[in-house]
């Protein structure tokens, strides 16, 4: 019963979830900008060799992005959204 109750409490409309995912991705890219720049610098002028030449930078970027774009982060954002809904605020704020 606890699982069903949690699912109901965290249920949001598809459009809201898409907006929350978009916000989550934007935040991740902002937070991981340093790693993005390092990867882009490594990738400059490379084609196929990019795969093995920039493996370390790609892993660092992916690890950073994963910290900010995973299911637990999304669930936390849904909870925050639902709390704001309960308090009467219906707008998703972008920060």
PDB file of N, CA and C in Angstrom:
ATOM      1  N   UNK A   1       0.820  -1.198   0.000  1.00  0.00           N
ATOM      2  CA  UNK A   1       0.000   0.000   0.000  1.00  0.00           C
ATOM      3  C   UNK A   1       0.858   1.253   0.000  1.00  0.00           C
ATOM      4  N   UNK A   2       2.015   1.245   0.674  1.00  0.00           N
ATOM      5  CA  UNK A   2       2.892   2.399   0.718  1.00  0.00           C
ATOM      6  C   UNK A   2       3.380   2.791  -0.657  1.00  0.00           C
ATOM      7  N   UNK A   3       3.694   1.827  -1.497  1.00  0.00           N
ATOM      8  CA  UNK A   3       4.184   2.096  -2.852  1.00  0.00           C
ATOM      9  C   UNK A   3       3.111   2.789  -3.691  1.00  0.00           C
ATOM     10  N   UNK A   4       1.880   2.318  -3.595  1.00  0.00           N
ATOM     11  CA  UNK A   4       0.782   2.906  -4.356  1.00  0.00           C
ATOM     12  C   UNK A   4       0.525   4.339  -3.897  1.00  0.00           C
ATOM     13  N   UNK A   5       0.563   4.561  -2.602  1.00  0.00           N
ATOM     14  CA  UNK A   5       0.362   5.905  -2.066  1.00  0.00           C
ATOM     15  C   UNK A   5       1.462   6.846  -2.552  1.00  0.00           C
ATOM     16  N   UNK A   6       2.724   6.390  -2.528  1.00  0.00           N
ATOM     17  CA  UNK A   6       3.832   7.202  -3.026  1.00  0.00           C
ATOM     18  C   UNK A   6       3.649   7.526  -4.499  1.00  0.00           C
ATOM     19  N   UNK A   7       3.214   6.545  -5.276  1.00  0.00           N
ATOM     20  CA  UNK A   7       3.004   6.752  -6.710  1.00  0.00           C
ATOM     21  C   UNK A   7       1.931   7.808  -6.951  1.00  0.00           C
ATOM     22  N   UNK A   8       0.869   7.761  -6.181  1.00  0.00           N
ATOM     23  CA  UNK A   8      -0.202   8.752  -6.332  1.00  0.00           C
ATOM     24  C   UNK A   8       0.268  10.145  -5.942  1.00  0.00           C
ATOM     25  N   UNK A   9       1.052  10.224  -4.876  1.00  0.00           N
ATOM     26  CA  UNK A   9       1.525  11.513  -4.400  1.00  0.00           C
ATOM     27  C   UNK A   9       2.484  12.160  -5.391  1.00  0.00           C
ATOM     28  N   UNK A  10       3.262  11.355  -6.110  1.00  0.00           N
ATOM     29  CA  UNK A  10       4.269  11.884  -7.029  1.00  0.00           C
ATOM     30  C   UNK A  10       3.812  11.904  -8.471  1.00  0.00           C
ATOM     31  N   UNK A  11       2.541  11.629  -8.729  1.00  0.00           N
ATOM     32  CA  UNK A  11       2.033  11.617 -10.095  1.00  0.00           C
ATOM     33  C   UNK A  11       1.824  13.047 -10.581  1.00  0.00           C
ATOM     34  N   UNK A  12       2.403  13.332 -11.718  1.00  0.00           N
ATOM     35  CA  UNK A  12       2.199  14.629 -12.346  1.00  0.00           C
ATOM     36  C   UNK A  12       1.828  14.395 -13.805  1.00  0.00           C
ATOM     37  N   UNK A  13       1.222  15.399 -14.414  1.00  0.00           N
ATOM     38  CA  UNK A  13       0.834  15.275 -15.816  1.00  0.00           C
ATOM     39  C   UNK A  13       2.075  15.144 -16.694  1.00  0.00           C
ATOM     40  N   UNK A  14       1.879  14.545 -17.851  1.00  0.00           N
ATOM     41  CA  UNK A  14       2.989  14.295 -18.780  1.00  0.00           C
ATOM     42  C   UNK A  14       3.703  15.588 -19.166  1.00  0.00           C
ATOM     43  N   UNK A  15       2.944  16.645 -19.456  1.00  0.00           N
ATOM     44  CA  UNK A  15       3.559  17.923 -19.834  1.00  0.00           C
ATOM     45  C   UNK A  15       4.386  18.500 -18.699  1.00  0.00           C
ATOM     46  N   UNK A  16       3.909  18.351 -17.485  1.00  0.00           N
ATOM     47  CA  UNK A  16       4.641  18.847 -16.317  1.00  0.00           C
ATOM     48  C   UNK A  16       5.926  18.053 -16.162  1.00  0.00           C
ATOM     49  N   UNK A  17       5.829  16.735 -16.318  1.00  0.00           N
ATOM     50  CA  UNK A  17       7.026  15.900 -16.199  1.00  0.00           C
ATOM     51  C   UNK A  17       8.048  16.277 -17.278  1.00  0.00           C
ATOM     52  N   UNK A  18       7.587  16.532 -18.490  1.00  0.00           N
ATOM     53  CA  UNK A  18       8.493  16.941 -19.566  1.00  0.00           C
ATOM     54  C   UNK A  18       9.171  18.264 -19.222  1.00  0.00           C
ATOM     55  N   UNK A  19       8.414  19.190 -18.651  1.00  0.00           N
ATOM     56  CA  UNK A  19       8.984  20.487 -18.254  1.00  0.00           C
ATOM     57  C   UNK A  19      10.005  20.302 -17.136  1.00  0.00           C
ATOM     58  N   UNK A  20       9.691  19.419 -16.198  1.00  0.00           N
ATOM     59  CA  UNK A  20      10.628  19.151 -15.106  1.00  0.00           C
ATOM     60  C   UNK A  20      11.902  18.486 -15.635  1.00  0.00           C
ATOM     61  N   UNK A  21      11.749  17.562 -16.584  1.00  0.00           N
ATOM     62  CA  UNK A  21      12.927  16.928 -17.195  1.00  0.00           C
ATOM     63  C   UNK A  21      13.786  17.961 -17.915  1.00  0.00           C
ATOM     64  N   UNK A  22      13.148  18.860 -18.625  1.00  0.00           N
ATOM     65  CA  UNK A  22      13.869  19.909 -19.335  1.00  0.00           C
ATOM     66  C   UNK A  22      14.633  20.796 -18.352  1.00  0.00           C
ATOM     67  N   UNK A  23      13.985  21.169 -17.277  1.00  0.00           N
ATOM     68  CA  UNK A  23      14.620  21.980 -16.242  1.00  0.00           C
ATOM     69  C   UNK A  23      15.798  21.224 -15.623  1.00  0.00           C
ATOM     70  N   UNK A  24      15.618  19.925 -15.394  1.00  0.00           N
ATOM     71  CA  UNK A  24      16.666  19.093 -14.820  1.00  0.00           C
ATOM     72  C   UNK A  24      17.884  19.057 -15.757  1.00  0.00           C
ATOM     73  N   UNK A  25      17.644  18.907 -17.059  1.00  0.00           N
ATOM     74  CA  UNK A  25      18.738  18.861 -18.037  1.00  0.00           C
ATOM     75  C   UNK A  25      19.458  20.197 -18.119  1.00  0.00           C
ATOM     76  N   UNK A  26      18.695  21.287 -18.098  1.00  0.00           N
ATOM     77  CA  UNK A  26      19.309  22.613 -18.139  1.00  0.00           C
ATOM     78  C   UNK A  26      20.228  22.825 -16.941  1.00  0.00           C
ATOM     79  N   UNK A  27      19.757  22.427 -15.775  1.00  0.00           N
ATOM     80  CA  UNK A  27      20.565  22.579 -14.568  1.00  0.00           C
ATOM     81  C   UNK A  27      21.822  21.723 -14.661  1.00  0.00           C
ATOM     82  N   UNK A  28      21.684  20.500 -15.175  1.00  0.00           N
ATOM     83  CA  UNK A  28      22.832  19.604 -15.305  1.00  0.00           C
ATOM     84  C   UNK A  28      23.879  20.203 -16.240  1.00  0.00           C
ATOM     85  N   UNK A  29      23.440  20.726 -17.364  1.00  0.00           N
ATOM     86  CA  UNK A  29      24.387  21.327 -18.304  1.00  0.00           C
ATOM     87  C   UNK A  29      25.087  22.532 -17.692  1.00  0.00           C
ATOM     88  N   UNK A  30      24.350  23.310 -16.933  1.00  0.00           N
ATOM     89  CA  UNK A  30      24.942  24.475 -16.266  1.00  0.00           C
ATOM     90  C   UNK A  30      25.959  24.032 -15.221  1.00  0.00           C
ATOM     91  N   UNK A  31      25.598  23.052 -14.416  1.00  0.00           N
ATOM     92  CA  UNK A  31      26.484  22.571 -13.350  1.00  0.00           C
ATOM     93  C   UNK A  31      27.728  21.872 -13.908  1.00  0.00           C
ATOM     94  N   UNK A  32      27.611  21.265 -15.082  1.00  0.00           N
ATOM     95  CA  UNK A  32      28.707  20.483 -15.663  1.00  0.00           C
ATOM     96  C   UNK A  32      29.420  21.235 -16.783  1.00  0.00           C
ATOM     97  N   UNK A  33      29.250  22.535 -16.833  1.00  0.00           N
ATOM     98  CA  UNK A  33      29.826  23.341 -17.901  1.00  0.00           C
ATOM     99  C   UNK A  33      31.339  23.159 -18.011  1.00  0.00           C
ATOM    100  N   UNK A  34      32.009  23.040 -16.898  1.00  0.00           N
ATOM    101  CA  UNK A  34      33.466  22.861 -16.890  1.00  0.00           C
ATOM    102  C   UNK A  34      33.860  21.595 -17.639  1.00  0.00           C
ATOM    103  N   UNK A  35      33.125  20.509 -17.400  1.00  0.00           N
ATOM    104  CA  UNK A  35      33.422  19.231 -18.062  1.00  0.00           C
ATOM    105  C   UNK A  35      33.050  19.271 -19.537  1.00  0.00           C
ATOM    106  N   UNK A  36      31.992  20.003 -19.856  1.00  0.00           N
ATOM    107  CA  UNK A  36      31.599  20.160 -21.259  1.00  0.00           C
ATOM    108  C   UNK A  36      32.696  20.878 -22.029  1.00  0.00           C
ATOM    109  N   UNK A  37      33.245  21.923 -21.429  1.00  0.00           N
ATOM    110  CA  UNK A  37      34.314  22.681 -22.075  1.00  0.00           C
ATOM    111  C   UNK A  37      35.558  21.816 -22.274  1.00  0.00           C
ATOM    112  N   UNK A  38      35.907  21.010 -21.264  1.00  0.00           N
ATOM    113  CA  UNK A  38      37.073  20.130 -21.385  1.00  0.00           C
ATOM    114  C   UNK A  38      36.868  19.104 -22.495  1.00  0.00           C
ATOM    115  N   UNK A  39      35.660  18.563 -22.601  1.00  0.00           N
ATOM    116  CA  UNK A  39      35.362  17.587 -23.652  1.00  0.00           C
ATOM    117  C   UNK A  39      35.405  18.260 -25.024  1.00  0.00           C
ATOM    118  N   UNK A  40      34.826  19.432 -25.138  1.00  0.00           N
ATOM    119  CA  UNK A  40      34.825  20.156 -26.408  1.00  0.00           C
ATOM    120  C   UNK A  40      36.247  20.505 -26.836  1.00  0.00           C
ATOM    121  N   UNK A  41      37.073  20.894 -25.888  1.00  0.00           N
ATOM    122  CA  UNK A  41      38.473  21.215 -26.187  1.00  0.00           C
ATOM    123  C   UNK A  41      39.215  19.976 -26.696  1.00  0.00           C
ATOM    124  N   UNK A  42      38.970  18.858 -26.073  1.00  0.00           N
ATOM    125  CA  UNK A  42      39.589  17.603 -26.498  1.00  0.00           C
ATOM    126  C   UNK A  42      39.097  17.195 -27.881  1.00  0.00           C
ATOM    127  N   UNK A  43      37.822  17.407 -28.143  1.00  0.00           N
ATOM    128  CA  UNK A  43      37.214  16.954 -29.395  1.00  0.00           C
ATOM    129  C   UNK A  43      37.554  17.832 -30.597  1.00  0.00           C
ATOM    130  N   UNK A  44      38.037  19.038 -30.340  1.00  0.00           N
ATOM    131  CA  UNK A  44      38.312  19.979 -31.434  1.00  0.00           C
ATOM    132  C   UNK A  44      39.286  19.369 -32.441  1.00  0.00           C
ATOM    133  N   UNK A  45      38.864  19.333 -33.692  1.00  0.00           N
ATOM    134  CA  UNK A  45      39.712  18.854 -34.772  1.00  0.00           C
ATOM    135  C   UNK A  45      39.788  17.348 -34.927  1.00  0.00           C
ATOM    136  N   UNK A  46      39.076  16.632 -34.115  1.00  0.00           N
ATOM    137  CA  UNK A  46      39.110  15.169 -34.176  1.00  0.00           C
ATOM    138  C   UNK A  46      37.838  14.655 -34.842  1.00  0.00           C
ATOM    139  N   UNK A  47      37.940  13.489 -35.440  1.00  0.00           N
ATOM    140  CA  UNK A  47      36.754  12.832 -35.992  1.00  0.00           C
ATOM    141  C   UNK A  47      36.613  11.483 -35.306  1.00  0.00           C
ATOM    142  N   UNK A  48      37.031  10.446 -35.949  1.00  0.00           N
ATOM    143  CA  UNK A  48      36.885   9.110 -35.394  1.00  0.00           C
ATOM    144  C   UNK A  48      37.766   8.881 -34.167  1.00  0.00           C
ATOM    145  N   UNK A  49      38.925   9.489 -34.137  1.00  0.00           N
ATOM    146  CA  UNK A  49      39.840   9.306 -33.000  1.00  0.00           C
ATOM    147  C   UNK A  49      39.265   9.885 -31.711  1.00  0.00           C
ATOM    148  N   UNK A  50      38.254  10.715 -31.837  1.00  0.00           N
ATOM    149  CA  UNK A  50      37.587  11.305 -30.679  1.00  0.00           C
ATOM    150  C   UNK A  50      37.165  10.235 -29.671  1.00  0.00           C
ATOM    151  N   UNK A  51      36.709   9.101 -30.176  1.00  0.00           N
ATOM    152  CA  UNK A  51      36.175   8.042 -29.319  1.00  0.00           C
ATOM    153  C   UNK A  51      37.197   7.597 -28.279  1.00  0.00           C
ATOM    154  N   UNK A  52      38.416   7.336 -28.680  1.00  0.00           N
ATOM    155  CA  UNK A  52      39.399   6.861 -27.709  1.00  0.00           C
ATOM    156  C   UNK A  52      40.275   7.981 -27.159  1.00  0.00           C
ATOM    157  N   UNK A  53      40.449   9.058 -27.909  1.00  0.00           N
ATOM    158  CA  UNK A  53      41.297  10.159 -27.441  1.00  0.00           C
ATOM    159  C   UNK A  53      40.657  10.930 -26.281  1.00  0.00           C
ATOM    160  N   UNK A  54      39.352  11.037 -26.299  1.00  0.00           N
ATOM    161  CA  UNK A  54      38.647  11.854 -25.302  1.00  0.00           C
ATOM    162  C   UNK A  54      37.812  10.997 -24.344  1.00  0.00           C
ATOM    163  N   UNK A  55      38.173   9.750 -24.211  1.00  0.00           N
ATOM    164  CA  UNK A  55      37.413   8.833 -23.357  1.00  0.00           C
ATOM    165  C   UNK A  55      37.323   9.336 -21.915  1.00  0.00           C
ATOM    166  N   UNK A  56      38.449   9.817 -21.368  1.00  0.00           N
ATOM    167  CA  UNK A  56      38.463  10.280 -19.978  1.00  0.00           C
ATOM    168  C   UNK A  56      37.544  11.492 -19.804  1.00  0.00           C
ATOM    169  N   UNK A  57      37.617  12.454 -20.729  1.00  0.00           N
ATOM    170  CA  UNK A  57      36.780  13.649 -20.646  1.00  0.00           C
ATOM    171  C   UNK A  57      35.301  13.299 -20.810  1.00  0.00           C
ATOM    172  N   UNK A  58      35.013  12.356 -21.701  1.00  0.00           N
ATOM    173  CA  UNK A  58      33.626  11.928 -21.898  1.00  0.00           C
ATOM    174  C   UNK A  58      33.080  11.275 -20.637  1.00  0.00           C
ATOM    175  N   UNK A  59      33.897  10.449 -19.988  1.00  0.00           N
ATOM    176  CA  UNK A  59      33.458   9.786 -18.758  1.00  0.00           C
ATOM    177  C   UNK A  59      33.217  10.809 -17.649  1.00  0.00           C
ATOM    178  N   UNK A  60      34.124  11.766 -17.517  1.00  0.00           N
ATOM    179  CA  UNK A  60      33.935  12.806 -16.499  1.00  0.00           C
ATOM    180  C   UNK A  60      32.647  13.588 -16.744  1.00  0.00           C
ATOM    181  N   UNK A  61      32.397  13.936 -18.008  1.00  0.00           N
ATOM    182  CA  UNK A  61      31.178  14.669 -18.353  1.00  0.00           C
ATOM    183  C   UNK A  61      29.937  13.834 -18.056  1.00  0.00           C
ATOM    184  N   UNK A  62      29.955  12.584 -18.462  1.00  0.00           N
ATOM    185  CA  UNK A  62      28.800  11.715 -18.212  1.00  0.00           C
ATOM    186  C   UNK A  62      28.557  11.499 -16.727  1.00  0.00           C
ATOM    187  N   UNK A  63      29.630  11.319 -15.962  1.00  0.00           N
ATOM    188  CA  UNK A  63      29.481  11.147 -14.507  1.00  0.00           C
ATOM    189  C   UNK A  63      28.854  12.386 -13.876  1.00  0.00           C
ATOM    190  N   UNK A  64      29.325  13.556 -14.310  1.00  0.00           N
ATOM    191  CA  UNK A  64      28.770  14.801 -13.781  1.00  0.00           C
ATOM    192  C   UNK A  64      27.292  14.942 -14.159  1.00  0.00           C
ATOM    193  N   UNK A  65      26.984  14.727 -15.435  1.00  0.00           N
ATOM    194  CA  UNK A  65      25.595  14.853 -15.884  1.00  0.00           C
ATOM    195  C   UNK A  65      24.675  13.892 -15.145  1.00  0.00           C
ATOM    196  N   UNK A  66      25.171  12.689 -14.889  1.00  0.00           N
ATOM    197  CA  UNK A  66      24.340  11.698 -14.203  1.00  0.00           C
ATOM    198  C   UNK A  66      23.997  12.113 -12.774  1.00  0.00           C
ATOM    199  N   UNK A  67      24.876  12.876 -12.136  1.00  0.00           N
ATOM    200  CA  UNK A  67      24.583  13.358 -10.781  1.00  0.00           C
ATOM    201  C   UNK A  67      23.326  14.223 -10.757  1.00  0.00           C
ATOM    202  N   UNK A  68      23.084  14.934 -11.856  1.00  0.00           N
ATOM    203  CA  UNK A  68      21.985  15.894 -11.907  1.00  0.00           C
ATOM    204  C   UNK A  68      20.810  15.422 -12.749  1.00  0.00           C
ATOM    205  N   UNK A  69      20.944  14.281 -13.431  1.00  0.00           N
ATOM    206  CA  UNK A  69      19.861  13.785 -14.296  1.00  0.00           C
ATOM    207  C   UNK A  69      19.621  12.309 -14.037  1.00  0.00           C
ATOM    208  N   UNK A  70      19.053  11.998 -12.905  1.00  0.00           N
ATOM    209  CA  UNK A  70      18.699  10.613 -12.611  1.00  0.00           C
ATOM    210  C   UNK A  70      17.293  10.572 -12.015  1.00  0.00           C
ATOM    211  N   UNK A  71      16.790   9.390 -11.841  1.00  0.00           N
ATOM    212  CA  UNK A  71      15.409   9.223 -11.376  1.00  0.00           C
ATOM    213  C   UNK A  71      15.166   9.838 -10.005  1.00  0.00           C
ATOM    214  N   UNK A  72      16.146   9.743  -9.107  1.00  0.00           N
ATOM    215  CA  UNK A  72      15.927  10.294  -7.771  1.00  0.00           C
ATOM    216  C   UNK A  72      15.836  11.823  -7.813  1.00  0.00           C
ATOM    217  N   UNK A  73      16.616  12.460  -8.681  1.00  0.00           N
ATOM    218  CA  UNK A  73      16.529  13.920  -8.833  1.00  0.00           C
ATOM    219  C   UNK A  73      15.162  14.293  -9.394  1.00  0.00           C
ATOM    220  N   UNK A  74      14.712  13.560 -10.403  1.00  0.00           N
ATOM    221  CA  UNK A  74      13.396  13.839 -10.992  1.00  0.00           C
ATOM    222  C   UNK A  74      12.285  13.649  -9.963  1.00  0.00           C
ATOM    223  N   UNK A  75      12.353  12.601  -9.181  1.00  0.00           N
ATOM    224  CA  UNK A  75      11.325  12.364  -8.156  1.00  0.00           C
ATOM    225  C   UNK A  75      11.310  13.487  -7.131  1.00  0.00           C
ATOM    226  N   UNK A  76      12.484  13.979  -6.767  1.00  0.00           N
ATOM    227  CA  UNK A  76      12.559  15.087  -5.814  1.00  0.00           C
ATOM    228  C   UNK A  76      11.936  16.348  -6.419  1.00  0.00           C
ATOM    229  N   UNK A  77      12.190  16.574  -7.697  1.00  0.00           N
ATOM    230  CA  UNK A  77      11.595  17.730  -8.374  1.00  0.00           C
ATOM    231  C   UNK A  77      10.076  17.599  -8.439  1.00  0.00           C
ATOM    232  N   UNK A  78       9.592  16.374  -8.657  1.00  0.00           N
ATOM    233  CA  UNK A  78       8.141  16.146  -8.678  1.00  0.00           C
ATOM    234  C   UNK A  78       7.537  16.449  -7.317  1.00  0.00           C
ATOM    235  N   UNK A  79       8.207  15.995  -6.258  1.00  0.00           N
ATOM    236  CA  UNK A  79       7.705  16.253  -4.904  1.00  0.00           C
ATOM    237  C   UNK A  79       7.631  17.753  -4.638  1.00  0.00           C
ATOM    238  N   UNK A  80       8.687  18.477  -5.022  1.00  0.00           N
ATOM    239  CA  UNK A  80       8.702  19.926  -4.837  1.00  0.00           C
ATOM    240  C   UNK A  80       7.563  20.579  -5.617  1.00  0.00           C
ATOM    241  N   UNK A  81       7.351  20.110  -6.834  1.00  0.00           N
ATOM    242  CA  UNK A  81       6.271  20.651  -7.661  1.00  0.00           C
ATOM    243  C   UNK A  81       4.922  20.393  -7.000  1.00  0.00           C
ATOM    244  N   UNK A  82       4.719  19.182  -6.519  1.00  0.00           N
ATOM    245  CA  UNK A  82       3.441  18.839  -5.885  1.00  0.00           C
ATOM    246  C   UNK A  82       3.216  19.676  -4.619  1.00  0.00           C
ATOM    247  N   UNK A  83       4.277  19.922  -3.858  1.00  0.00           N
ATOM    248  CA  UNK A  83       4.150  20.768  -2.672  1.00  0.00           C
ATOM    249  C   UNK A  83       3.756  22.196  -3.066  1.00  0.00           C
ATOM    250  N   UNK A  84       4.357  22.700  -4.139  1.00  0.00           N
ATOM    251  CA  UNK A  84       4.004  24.038  -4.607  1.00  0.00           C
ATOM    252  C   UNK A  84       2.562  24.074  -5.086  1.00  0.00           C
ATOM    253  N   UNK A  85       2.130  22.982  -5.731  1.00  0.00           N
ATOM    254  CA  UNK A  85       0.740  22.898  -6.192  1.00  0.00           C
ATOM    255  C   UNK A  85      -0.205  22.937  -5.000  1.00  0.00           C
ATOM    256  N   UNK A  86       0.154  22.220  -3.962  1.00  0.00           N
ATOM    257  CA  UNK A  86      -0.697  22.167  -2.776  1.00  0.00           C
ATOM    258  C   UNK A  86      -0.792  23.531  -2.103  1.00  0.00           C
ATOM    259  N   UNK A  87       0.268  24.326  -2.233  1.00  0.00           N
ATOM    260  CA  UNK A  87       0.273  25.662  -1.631  1.00  0.00           C
ATOM    261  C   UNK A  87      -0.347  26.711  -2.543  1.00  0.00           C
ATOM    262  N   UNK A  88      -0.707  26.305  -3.770  1.00  0.00           N
ATOM    263  CA  UNK A  88      -1.388  27.223  -4.658  1.00  0.00           C
ATOM    264  C   UNK A  88      -0.555  27.787  -5.781  1.00  0.00           C
ATOM    265  N   UNK A  89       0.698  27.475  -5.834  1.00  0.00           N
ATOM    266  CA  UNK A  89       1.551  27.966  -6.925  1.00  0.00           C
ATOM    267  C   UNK A  89       1.512  26.954  -8.061  1.00  0.00           C
ATOM    268  N   UNK A  90       1.081  27.371  -9.247  1.00  0.00           N
ATOM    269  CA  UNK A  90       0.931  26.430 -10.343  1.00  0.00           C
ATOM    270  C   UNK A  90       1.991  26.602 -11.421  1.00  0.00           C
ATOM    271  N   UNK A  91       2.966  27.450 -11.194  1.00  0.00           N
ATOM    272  CA  UNK A  91       3.969  27.746 -12.211  1.00  0.00           C
ATOM    273  C   UNK A  91       5.272  27.048 -11.876  1.00  0.00           C
ATOM    274  N   UNK A  92       5.903  26.437 -12.887  1.00  0.00           N
ATOM    275  CA  UNK A  92       7.227  25.847 -12.714  1.00  0.00           C
ATOM    276  C   UNK A  92       8.221  26.980 -12.905  1.00  0.00           C
ATOM    277  N   UNK A  93       9.035  27.223 -11.904  1.00  0.00           N
ATOM    278  CA  UNK A  93       9.996  28.297 -12.004  1.00  0.00           C
ATOM    279  C   UNK A  93      11.292  27.777 -12.580  1.00  0.00           C
ATOM    280  N   UNK A  94      11.873  28.555 -13.464  1.00  0.00           N
ATOM    281  CA  UNK A  94      13.162  28.196 -14.028  1.00  0.00           C
ATOM    282  C   UNK A  94      14.217  29.028 -13.346  1.00  0.00           C
ATOM    283  N   UNK A  95      15.223  28.340 -12.897  1.00  0.00           N
ATOM    284  CA  UNK A  95      16.281  29.058 -12.171  1.00  0.00           C
ATOM    285  C   UNK A  95      17.586  28.903 -12.893  1.00  0.00           C
TER     286      UNK A  95
END
